[in-house]
Amino acid sequence: MKFNDIPCICCGDIISNISPTQENAIDTEREYTEMSMWADGEVTRLEFGYGSILDGSVFYIGLCDSCAELKANNGEIYYSHDYMDNQENDSDQAERWKVGMNLKQREIEIDKIIK
């Protein structure tokens, strides 16, 4: 199967390939797929490994920019760094995302204590 657009896994908004051609389409039949550039989000290959009931399963998921920012602000996804700077990003936005991660971790720890 080949595709040039995919819905966001959170909100359902469509994330489209910037250059939608057959050559640039994601080909799910290939073991390794060269990733394309996507408008307003990202599409990535997700591989489940040992320990998961989905061990060996491969999925392609899309996450739009808006949902990625929201989830990072809420600490539901973890910000690592800006790969284009090739070093950790110390911007205000990155700091907010790190605070969101810490708040989410505290919420998880409090839930463990309460239960």
C-alpha atoms as a PDB file:
ATOM      1  CA  MET A   1       0.000   0.000   0.000  1.00  0.00           C
ATOM      2  CA  LYS A   2       1.199   3.514  -0.795  1.00  0.00           C
ATOM      3  CA  PHE A   3      -0.106   6.748   0.688  1.00  0.00           C
ATOM      4  CA  ASN A   4       0.543  10.487   0.456  1.00  0.00           C
ATOM      5  CA  ASP A   5      -1.656  11.645   3.340  1.00  0.00           C
ATOM      6  CA  ILE A   6      -2.728  10.302   6.706  1.00  0.00           C
ATOM      7  CA  PRO A   7      -4.999  11.569   9.511  1.00  0.00           C
ATOM      8  CA  CYS A   8      -3.511  12.837  12.772  1.00  0.00           C
ATOM      9  CA  ILE A   9      -3.744  10.095  15.395  1.00  0.00           C
ATOM     10  CA  CYS A  10      -5.188  12.613  17.897  1.00  0.00           C
ATOM     11  CA  CYS A  11      -7.541  14.998  16.076  1.00  0.00           C
ATOM     12  CA  GLY A  12      -8.003  13.432  12.643  1.00  0.00           C
ATOM     13  CA  ASP A  13      -6.751  16.439  10.656  1.00  0.00           C
ATOM     14  CA  ILE A  14      -5.092  15.337   7.429  1.00  0.00           C
ATOM     15  CA  ILE A  15      -1.300  15.516   7.194  1.00  0.00           C
ATOM     16  CA  SER A  16      -0.246  15.658   3.544  1.00  0.00           C
ATOM     17  CA  ASN A  17       2.963  14.860   1.731  1.00  0.00           C
ATOM     18  CA  ILE A  18       4.477  18.133   0.463  1.00  0.00           C
ATOM     19  CA  SER A  19       5.404  16.467  -2.861  1.00  0.00           C
ATOM     20  CA  PRO A  20       2.603  13.934  -3.439  1.00  0.00           C
ATOM     21  CA  THR A  21       3.944  11.688  -6.191  1.00  0.00           C
ATOM     22  CA  GLN A  22       4.164   7.917  -6.471  1.00  0.00           C
ATOM     23  CA  GLU A  23       7.942   8.148  -5.949  1.00  0.00           C
ATOM     24  CA  ASN A  24       7.501  10.173  -2.717  1.00  0.00           C
ATOM     25  CA  ALA A  25       4.595   8.142  -1.343  1.00  0.00           C
ATOM     26  CA  ILE A  26       5.113   6.024   1.745  1.00  0.00           C
ATOM     27  CA  ASP A  27       5.299   2.399   0.595  1.00  0.00           C
ATOM     28  CA  THR A  28       4.225   0.131   3.465  1.00  0.00           C
ATOM     29  CA  GLU A  29       5.364  -2.981   1.561  1.00  0.00           C
ATOM     30  CA  ARG A  30       9.054  -2.037   1.806  1.00  0.00           C
ATOM     31  CA  GLU A  31      11.103  -2.918   4.868  1.00  0.00           C
ATOM     32  CA  TYR A  32      12.609   0.550   5.023  1.00  0.00           C
ATOM     33  CA  THR A  33      10.790   3.572   3.689  1.00  0.00           C
ATOM     34  CA  GLU A  34      12.529   6.855   3.062  1.00  0.00           C
ATOM     35  CA  MET A  35      10.435   9.400   4.916  1.00  0.00           C
ATOM     36  CA  SER A  36       9.006  12.385   3.074  1.00  0.00           C
ATOM     37  CA  MET A  37       8.347  15.986   4.069  1.00  0.00           C
ATOM     38  CA  TRP A  38       4.869  16.553   5.500  1.00  0.00           C
ATOM     39  CA  ALA A  39       2.721  19.688   5.672  1.00  0.00           C
ATOM     40  CA  ASP A  40       1.601  20.647   9.198  1.00  0.00           C
ATOM     41  CA  GLY A  41       2.835  17.528  10.970  1.00  0.00           C
ATOM     42  CA  GLU A  42       4.927  14.379  10.864  1.00  0.00           C
ATOM     43  CA  VAL A  43       4.419  10.803   9.751  1.00  0.00           C
ATOM     44  CA  THR A  44       6.570   8.105  11.252  1.00  0.00           C
ATOM     45  CA  ARG A  45       6.977   4.350  11.256  1.00  0.00           C
ATOM     46  CA  LEU A  46       6.185   2.767  14.630  1.00  0.00           C
ATOM     47  CA  GLU A  47       7.572  -0.726  15.316  1.00  0.00           C
ATOM     48  CA  PHE A  48       6.435  -2.730  18.335  1.00  0.00           C
ATOM     49  CA  GLY A  49       9.079  -4.896  19.949  1.00  0.00           C
ATOM     50  CA  TYR A  50       9.471  -7.718  22.414  1.00  0.00           C
ATOM     51  CA  GLY A  51       7.177  -7.429  25.432  1.00  0.00           C
ATOM     52  CA  SER A  52       4.276  -5.890  23.540  1.00  0.00           C
ATOM     53  CA  ILE A  53       1.253  -7.939  22.515  1.00  0.00           C
ATOM     54  CA  LEU A  54       1.812  -6.276  19.133  1.00  0.00           C
ATOM     55  CA  ASP A  55       5.401  -7.581  18.949  1.00  0.00           C
ATOM     56  CA  GLY A  56       6.566  -7.435  15.338  1.00  0.00           C
ATOM     57  CA  SER A  57       3.758  -5.154  14.165  1.00  0.00           C
ATOM     58  CA  VAL A  58       4.600  -2.092  12.093  1.00  0.00           C
ATOM     59  CA  PHE A  59       2.324   0.940  11.883  1.00  0.00           C
ATOM     60  CA  TYR A  60       2.556   4.346  10.244  1.00  0.00           C
ATOM     61  CA  ILE A  61       1.109   7.167  12.305  1.00  0.00           C
ATOM     62  CA  GLY A  62       0.641  10.879  11.749  1.00  0.00           C
ATOM     63  CA  LEU A  63       0.776  13.598  14.378  1.00  0.00           C
ATOM     64  CA  CYS A  64      -0.136  17.169  13.417  1.00  0.00           C
ATOM     65  CA  ASP A  65       1.868  20.163  14.664  1.00  0.00           C
ATOM     66  CA  SER A  66      -0.994  21.467  16.816  1.00  0.00           C
ATOM     67  CA  CYS A  67      -1.489  18.173  18.653  1.00  0.00           C
ATOM     68  CA  ALA A  68       2.270  17.687  19.070  1.00  0.00           C
ATOM     69  CA  GLU A  69       2.556  21.092  20.755  1.00  0.00           C
ATOM     70  CA  LEU A  70      -0.503  20.441  22.922  1.00  0.00           C
ATOM     71  CA  LYS A  71       0.744  17.004  23.996  1.00  0.00           C
ATOM     72  CA  ALA A  72       4.233  18.380  24.704  1.00  0.00           C
ATOM     73  CA  ASN A  73       2.766  21.220  26.794  1.00  0.00           C
ATOM     74  CA  ASN A  74       0.704  18.645  28.742  1.00  0.00           C
ATOM     75  CA  GLY A  75       3.698  16.343  29.232  1.00  0.00           C
ATOM     76  CA  GLU A  76       2.053  13.543  27.262  1.00  0.00           C
ATOM     77  CA  ILE A  77       4.911  13.335  24.764  1.00  0.00           C
ATOM     78  CA  TYR A  78       8.524  14.032  25.581  1.00  0.00           C
ATOM     79  CA  TYR A  79      10.601  16.717  23.921  1.00  0.00           C
ATOM     80  CA  SER A  80      14.218  15.736  23.314  1.00  0.00           C
ATOM     81  CA  HIS A  81      15.976  18.394  21.227  1.00  0.00           C
ATOM     82  CA  ASP A  82      15.986  20.317  17.975  1.00  0.00           C
ATOM     83  CA  TYR A  83      17.859  18.067  15.532  1.00  0.00           C
ATOM     84  CA  MET A  84      18.530  20.982  13.171  1.00  0.00           C
ATOM     85  CA  ASP A  85      20.593  22.748  15.865  1.00  0.00           C
ATOM     86  CA  ASN A  86      22.447  19.505  16.588  1.00  0.00           C
ATOM     87  CA  GLN A  87      22.357  20.400  20.283  1.00  0.00           C
ATOM     88  CA  GLU A  88      19.735  20.742  22.980  1.00  0.00           C
ATOM     89  CA  ASN A  89      17.388  23.630  22.332  1.00  0.00           C
ATOM     90  CA  ASP A  90      17.224  26.062  25.261  1.00  0.00           C
ATOM     91  CA  SER A  91      14.362  28.151  23.854  1.00  0.00           C
ATOM     92  CA  ASP A  92      11.394  29.266  25.957  1.00  0.00           C
ATOM     93  CA  GLN A  93       9.161  26.748  24.152  1.00  0.00           C
ATOM     94  CA  ALA A  94      11.535  23.891  24.939  1.00  0.00           C
ATOM     95  CA  GLU A  95      11.572  24.942  28.599  1.00  0.00           C
ATOM     96  CA  ARG A  96       7.745  24.929  28.715  1.00  0.00           C
ATOM     97  CA  TRP A  97       7.714  21.447  27.205  1.00  0.00           C
ATOM     98  CA  LYS A  98      10.219  20.243  29.806  1.00  0.00           C
ATOM     99  CA  VAL A  99       8.032  21.719  32.577  1.00  0.00           C
ATOM    100  CA  GLY A 100       5.049  19.879  31.058  1.00  0.00           C
ATOM    101  CA  MET A 101       7.017  16.608  31.171  1.00  0.00           C
ATOM    102  CA  ASN A 102       7.898  17.193  34.827  1.00  0.00           C
ATOM    103  CA  LEU A 103       4.296  18.021  35.757  1.00  0.00           C
ATOM    104  CA  LYS A 104       3.014  14.889  33.986  1.00  0.00           C
ATOM    105  CA  GLN A 105       5.618  12.752  35.792  1.00  0.00           C
ATOM    106  CA  ARG A 106       4.582  14.233  39.144  1.00  0.00           C
ATOM    107  CA  GLU A 107       0.924  13.521  38.329  1.00  0.00           C
ATOM    108  CA  ILE A 108       1.811   9.880  37.590  1.00  0.00           C
ATOM    109  CA  GLU A 109       3.779   9.553  40.844  1.00  0.00           C
ATOM    110  CA  ILE A 110       0.942  11.104  42.904  1.00  0.00           C
ATOM    111  CA  ASP A 111      -1.551   8.715  41.263  1.00  0.00           C
ATOM    112  CA  LYS A 112       0.672   5.777  42.330  1.00  0.00           C
ATOM    113  CA  ILE A 113       0.685   6.983  45.937  1.00  0.00           C
ATOM    114  CA  ILE A 114      -3.061   7.623  46.090  1.00  0.00           C
ATOM    115  CA  LYS A 115      -4.045   4.245  44.630  1.00  0.00           C
END
